[in-house]
N, C-alpha and C. Protein backbone atom coordinates (compact mmCIF):
# COMPACT_ATOMS: atom_id res chain seq x y z
N MET A 1 73.71 143.72 181.62
CA MET A 1 74.09 144.28 179.95
C MET A 1 75.53 144.59 179.95
N LEU A 2 76.20 144.68 179.34
CA LEU A 2 77.01 145.69 178.23
C LEU A 2 77.05 146.70 178.32
N GLU A 3 77.92 147.77 178.66
CA GLU A 3 77.75 148.80 178.49
C GLU A 3 78.32 149.38 176.71
N LEU A 4 77.54 150.59 176.15
CA LEU A 4 78.39 150.40 174.93
C LEU A 4 80.02 150.36 174.71
N GLY A 5 80.53 151.03 175.80
CA GLY A 5 81.95 151.02 175.93
C GLY A 5 82.65 150.28 175.96
N GLN A 6 82.24 149.29 176.96
CA GLN A 6 82.88 147.69 176.90
C GLN A 6 82.78 147.02 176.03
N LEU A 7 81.83 147.25 174.95
CA LEU A 7 81.57 146.45 173.68
C LEU A 7 82.58 147.35 172.53
N PHE A 8 82.56 148.11 172.30
CA PHE A 8 83.80 149.23 171.19
C PHE A 8 85.32 148.83 171.72
N ALA A 9 85.28 149.11 173.10
CA ALA A 9 86.54 149.65 173.14
C ALA A 9 87.89 148.81 172.44
N PRO A 10 87.60 146.81 172.92
CA PRO A 10 88.05 145.96 172.31
C PRO A 10 87.89 145.96 170.55
N LEU A 11 87.61 146.59 170.34
CA LEU A 11 87.07 146.55 168.33
C LEU A 11 88.28 148.01 168.32
N VAL A 12 87.95 149.13 169.15
CA VAL A 12 89.06 150.51 168.89
C VAL A 12 90.08 150.05 168.88
N SER A 13 90.87 148.89 170.27
CA SER A 13 91.70 148.58 170.34
C SER A 13 92.44 147.97 168.99
N GLY A 14 91.61 146.78 168.60
CA GLY A 14 91.90 146.16 167.32
C GLY A 14 92.61 147.04 166.31
N PHE A 15 91.22 147.95 166.11
CA PHE A 15 91.60 148.49 165.05
C PHE A 15 92.98 149.60 164.99
N LEU A 16 93.02 150.23 166.07
CA LEU A 16 94.20 150.97 166.22
C LEU A 16 95.52 149.93 165.86
N LEU A 17 95.70 148.83 166.54
CA LEU A 17 96.69 148.18 166.52
C LEU A 17 97.27 147.53 164.81
N ILE A 18 96.16 147.32 163.72
CA ILE A 18 96.04 147.09 162.73
C ILE A 18 96.28 148.38 162.17
N ALA A 19 95.97 149.34 162.16
CA ALA A 19 96.72 150.86 161.81
C ALA A 19 97.59 151.26 161.79
N PHE A 20 98.28 150.96 163.10
CA PHE A 20 100.05 150.95 163.59
C PHE A 20 100.91 150.07 162.80
N ILE A 21 99.98 148.44 162.80
CA ILE A 21 101.08 147.70 161.81
C ILE A 21 100.97 147.74 160.62
N PHE A 22 99.87 148.27 159.83
CA PHE A 22 99.69 148.97 158.28
C PHE A 22 100.62 149.74 158.40
N ILE A 23 100.38 150.92 158.76
CA ILE A 23 101.86 152.28 159.35
C ILE A 23 102.94 152.05 158.63
N SER A 24 103.35 150.73 160.03
CA SER A 24 104.76 150.03 160.37
C SER A 24 105.27 149.89 158.93
N ALA A 25 104.57 148.60 158.68
CA ALA A 25 104.85 148.44 157.45
C ALA A 25 105.31 149.09 156.02
N LEU A 26 104.36 149.85 155.91
CA LEU A 26 104.41 150.83 154.77
C LEU A 26 105.99 151.50 155.36
N ALA A 27 106.18 151.61 156.48
CA ALA A 27 107.49 152.58 156.81
C ALA A 27 108.49 151.68 156.58
N VAL A 28 108.25 149.93 156.50
CA VAL A 28 109.75 149.46 156.05
C VAL A 28 109.15 149.25 154.71
N ILE A 29 108.69 149.23 153.92
CA ILE A 29 108.73 149.55 152.08
C ILE A 29 109.06 150.24 152.08
N TYR A 30 109.24 151.88 152.10
CA TYR A 30 109.38 152.47 152.14
C TYR A 30 111.04 152.63 152.16
N THR A 31 111.39 152.25 153.42
CA THR A 31 112.62 153.08 153.85
C THR A 31 113.58 151.79 153.36
N ALA A 32 112.79 150.29 152.47
CA ALA A 32 113.76 149.91 152.01
C ALA A 32 114.31 150.20 150.17
N TYR A 33 112.70 150.57 149.50
CA TYR A 33 113.18 151.22 148.69
C TYR A 33 113.91 152.15 148.38
N ASP A 34 114.05 153.18 149.75
CA ASP A 34 115.24 154.51 149.63
C ASP A 34 116.37 153.54 149.54
N TYR A 35 116.23 152.78 150.52
CA TYR A 35 117.85 152.40 150.25
C TYR A 35 118.09 151.97 149.03
N ARG A 36 117.53 151.16 148.31
CA ARG A 36 117.66 150.76 146.97
C ARG A 36 118.39 151.84 146.25
N ARG A 37 117.38 152.70 146.73
CA ARG A 37 117.96 154.00 145.38
C ARG A 37 118.76 155.24 146.18
N LEU A 38 119.12 154.76 146.88
CA LEU A 38 120.15 155.36 147.08
C LEU A 38 121.45 155.05 147.28
N PHE A 39 121.46 153.37 147.26
CA PHE A 39 122.74 152.58 146.98
C PHE A 39 122.95 152.55 145.46
N ASN A 40 121.55 152.26 144.39
CA ASN A 40 122.52 152.65 143.01
C ASN A 40 122.58 154.19 142.30
N GLN A 41 122.03 155.33 143.64
CA GLN A 41 122.71 156.23 143.32
C GLN A 41 124.66 156.13 143.39
N HIS A 42 125.10 155.40 144.76
CA HIS A 42 126.03 155.54 145.43
C HIS A 42 127.16 155.00 143.74
N GLN A 43 126.64 153.79 144.04
CA GLN A 43 126.73 152.90 142.63
C GLN A 43 127.48 153.52 141.45
N ALA A 44 126.75 154.71 140.80
CA ALA A 44 126.75 155.17 139.45
C ALA A 44 127.78 156.54 140.06
N LEU A 45 128.04 157.00 141.43
CA LEU A 45 129.24 158.04 141.85
C LEU A 45 129.92 156.92 141.67
N VAL A 46 130.30 156.05 142.12
CA VAL A 46 131.16 155.12 141.89
C VAL A 46 132.40 154.65 140.83
N ARG A 47 130.97 154.55 139.72
CA ARG A 47 131.33 154.59 138.58
C ARG A 47 131.99 155.89 137.90
N GLN A 48 130.94 156.97 137.69
CA GLN A 48 131.70 158.20 137.62
C GLN A 48 133.20 158.48 138.07
N SER A 49 133.79 158.17 139.57
CA SER A 49 134.42 158.50 140.27
C SER A 49 135.80 157.79 139.44
N ASP A 50 135.46 156.43 139.48
CA ASP A 50 136.39 155.69 138.74
C ASP A 50 136.98 155.64 136.92
N GLU A 51 135.82 156.38 136.32
CA GLU A 51 136.17 157.05 135.29
C GLU A 51 137.01 158.18 135.10
N LEU A 52 136.44 158.85 136.17
CA LEU A 52 137.21 160.21 135.81
C LEU A 52 138.59 160.30 136.60
N ARG A 53 138.75 158.94 137.39
CA ARG A 53 140.91 158.79 138.11
C ARG A 53 141.08 158.19 136.75
N ILE A 54 140.85 157.49 135.54
CA ILE A 54 141.49 156.63 134.60
C ILE A 54 141.55 157.99 133.81
N GLU A 55 140.60 159.06 133.80
CA GLU A 55 140.42 160.37 132.52
C GLU A 55 141.69 161.20 132.89
N TRP A 56 141.58 160.95 134.46
CA TRP A 56 142.86 162.12 135.29
C TRP A 56 144.40 161.50 135.13
N GLY A 57 144.88 160.03 135.02
CA GLY A 57 145.58 159.65 134.87
C GLY A 57 146.76 159.53 133.41
N GLN A 58 145.70 159.55 132.93
CA GLN A 58 145.57 160.02 130.76
C GLN A 58 145.99 161.04 130.96
N LEU A 59 144.89 162.00 130.97
CA LEU A 59 145.45 163.18 131.01
C LEU A 59 147.08 163.85 131.56
N LEU A 60 147.43 163.46 133.15
CA LEU A 60 148.31 163.41 133.11
C LEU A 60 149.83 162.70 131.87
N LEU A 61 149.55 161.81 131.76
CA LEU A 61 150.72 160.87 131.10
C LEU A 61 150.93 161.47 129.77
N GLU A 62 149.38 162.23 129.18
CA GLU A 62 149.51 163.25 128.09
C GLU A 62 150.55 164.23 128.17
N GLN A 63 150.25 164.74 129.59
CA GLN A 63 150.93 166.48 130.18
C GLN A 63 152.46 165.94 129.85
N SER A 64 152.41 164.76 130.47
CA SER A 64 154.43 164.99 130.68
C SER A 64 154.37 164.35 129.38
N ALA A 65 154.02 163.78 128.23
CA ALA A 65 154.46 163.40 127.03
C ALA A 65 154.67 164.71 126.39
N TRP A 66 153.87 165.83 126.71
CA TRP A 66 154.10 167.27 125.66
C TRP A 66 154.39 167.96 125.76
N GLY A 67 155.17 167.80 127.34
CA GLY A 67 156.48 168.17 128.38
C GLY A 67 157.57 168.48 128.10
N ALA A 68 158.21 166.62 127.31
CA ALA A 68 158.85 166.39 127.54
C ALA A 68 160.26 166.64 127.17
N ASN A 69 161.44 166.78 127.70
CA ASN A 69 162.53 167.76 127.40
C ASN A 69 162.78 167.55 125.76
N ASN A 70 162.58 166.50 125.18
CA ASN A 70 163.49 166.12 123.87
C ASN A 70 162.29 166.55 123.21
N ARG A 71 161.08 166.56 123.23
CA ARG A 71 160.13 166.85 122.66
C ARG A 71 160.26 168.22 122.49
N VAL A 72 160.56 169.26 123.46
CA VAL A 72 160.60 170.33 123.32
C VAL A 72 161.94 171.36 122.33
N GLU A 73 162.82 169.94 122.68
CA GLU A 73 164.32 170.47 121.72
C GLU A 73 164.21 170.12 120.51
N VAL A 74 162.91 169.49 120.12
CA VAL A 74 162.73 168.93 118.35
C VAL A 74 162.11 170.32 117.82
N LEU A 75 160.94 170.41 118.17
CA LEU A 75 160.78 171.72 118.26
C LEU A 75 161.00 173.47 117.98
N ALA A 76 161.71 173.03 119.11
CA ALA A 76 163.15 174.47 118.82
C ALA A 76 163.63 174.17 117.69
N GLU A 77 164.45 173.64 117.49
CA GLU A 77 164.80 173.16 116.15
C GLU A 77 164.07 173.72 115.04
N GLN A 78 162.92 172.62 114.77
CA GLN A 78 162.02 172.36 113.34
C GLN A 78 161.56 173.56 113.62
N ARG A 79 160.65 174.20 114.42
CA ARG A 79 159.70 175.36 114.09
C ARG A 79 161.09 176.65 114.44
N LEU A 80 161.31 177.16 115.12
CA LEU A 80 162.11 178.30 115.26
C LEU A 80 163.87 177.64 115.26
N GLY A 81 164.03 177.63 114.36
CA GLY A 81 165.22 176.56 113.71
C GLY A 81 166.39 177.44 114.91
N MET A 82 166.23 177.04 116.48
CA MET A 82 167.06 177.07 117.36
C MET A 82 168.26 176.19 118.00
N LYS A 83 169.31 175.81 117.75
CA LYS A 83 170.22 174.99 117.72
C LYS A 83 171.04 175.25 119.10
N MET A 84 171.53 174.43 120.15
CA MET A 84 172.88 174.05 121.03
C MET A 84 173.75 174.69 120.65
N PRO A 85 174.25 175.55 121.72
CA PRO A 85 175.26 176.76 120.93
C PRO A 85 176.50 175.55 121.23
N LYS A 86 177.64 175.72 120.60
CA LYS A 86 178.89 174.55 120.47
C LYS A 86 179.63 175.94 121.85
N ALA A 87 180.49 175.13 122.74
CA ALA A 87 181.57 175.87 124.23
C ALA A 87 181.89 176.53 123.59
N ASN A 88 182.49 177.21 122.72
CA ASN A 88 183.32 177.73 121.89
C ASN A 88 182.59 179.53 121.71
N GLU A 89 180.78 179.31 121.29
CA GLU A 89 179.74 180.15 121.44
C GLU A 89 179.28 180.95 122.20
N ILE A 90 179.39 179.59 123.34
CA ILE A 90 178.79 180.45 124.97
C ILE A 90 179.23 181.86 125.63
N ARG A 91 178.75 182.32 126.16
CA ARG A 91 179.36 183.85 126.48
C ARG A 91 178.49 183.74 128.12
N LEU A 92 179.47 184.23 128.78
CA LEU A 92 178.79 184.05 130.65
C LEU A 92 178.45 185.28 130.95
N ALA A 93 177.58 185.69 130.98
CA ALA A 93 177.46 187.55 132.19
C ALA A 93 176.87 187.01 132.84
N ILE A 94 178.15 188.36 133.66
CA ILE A 94 177.96 188.24 135.23
C ILE A 94 177.28 189.49 135.27
N ASP A 95 176.83 189.60 136.26
CA ASP A 95 176.11 190.91 137.02
C ASP A 95 177.09 191.64 138.01
N GLU A 96 177.38 191.96 137.78
CA GLU A 96 178.64 192.88 138.81
C GLU A 96 177.85 194.19 139.77
């Protein structure tokens, strides 16, 4: 006659095997979900980085336009009434 341990040992082993397979399947599903979530987040950050790079380039162009020598000269003439001195109006200050 079979003992009780000999009867239930295959059942317990089979149950444990099925439980481990199920847990492993859940881990694979979670890992795939997490990978997709992180990949989407990465893509959003790459898009944001590209947009910021474009904006930075536009700001650099704007800065160079606002600081251009001819623009400063025109504003000095118009708003402050400044003008380039003639050659005979230039005085040289020498510090001795």
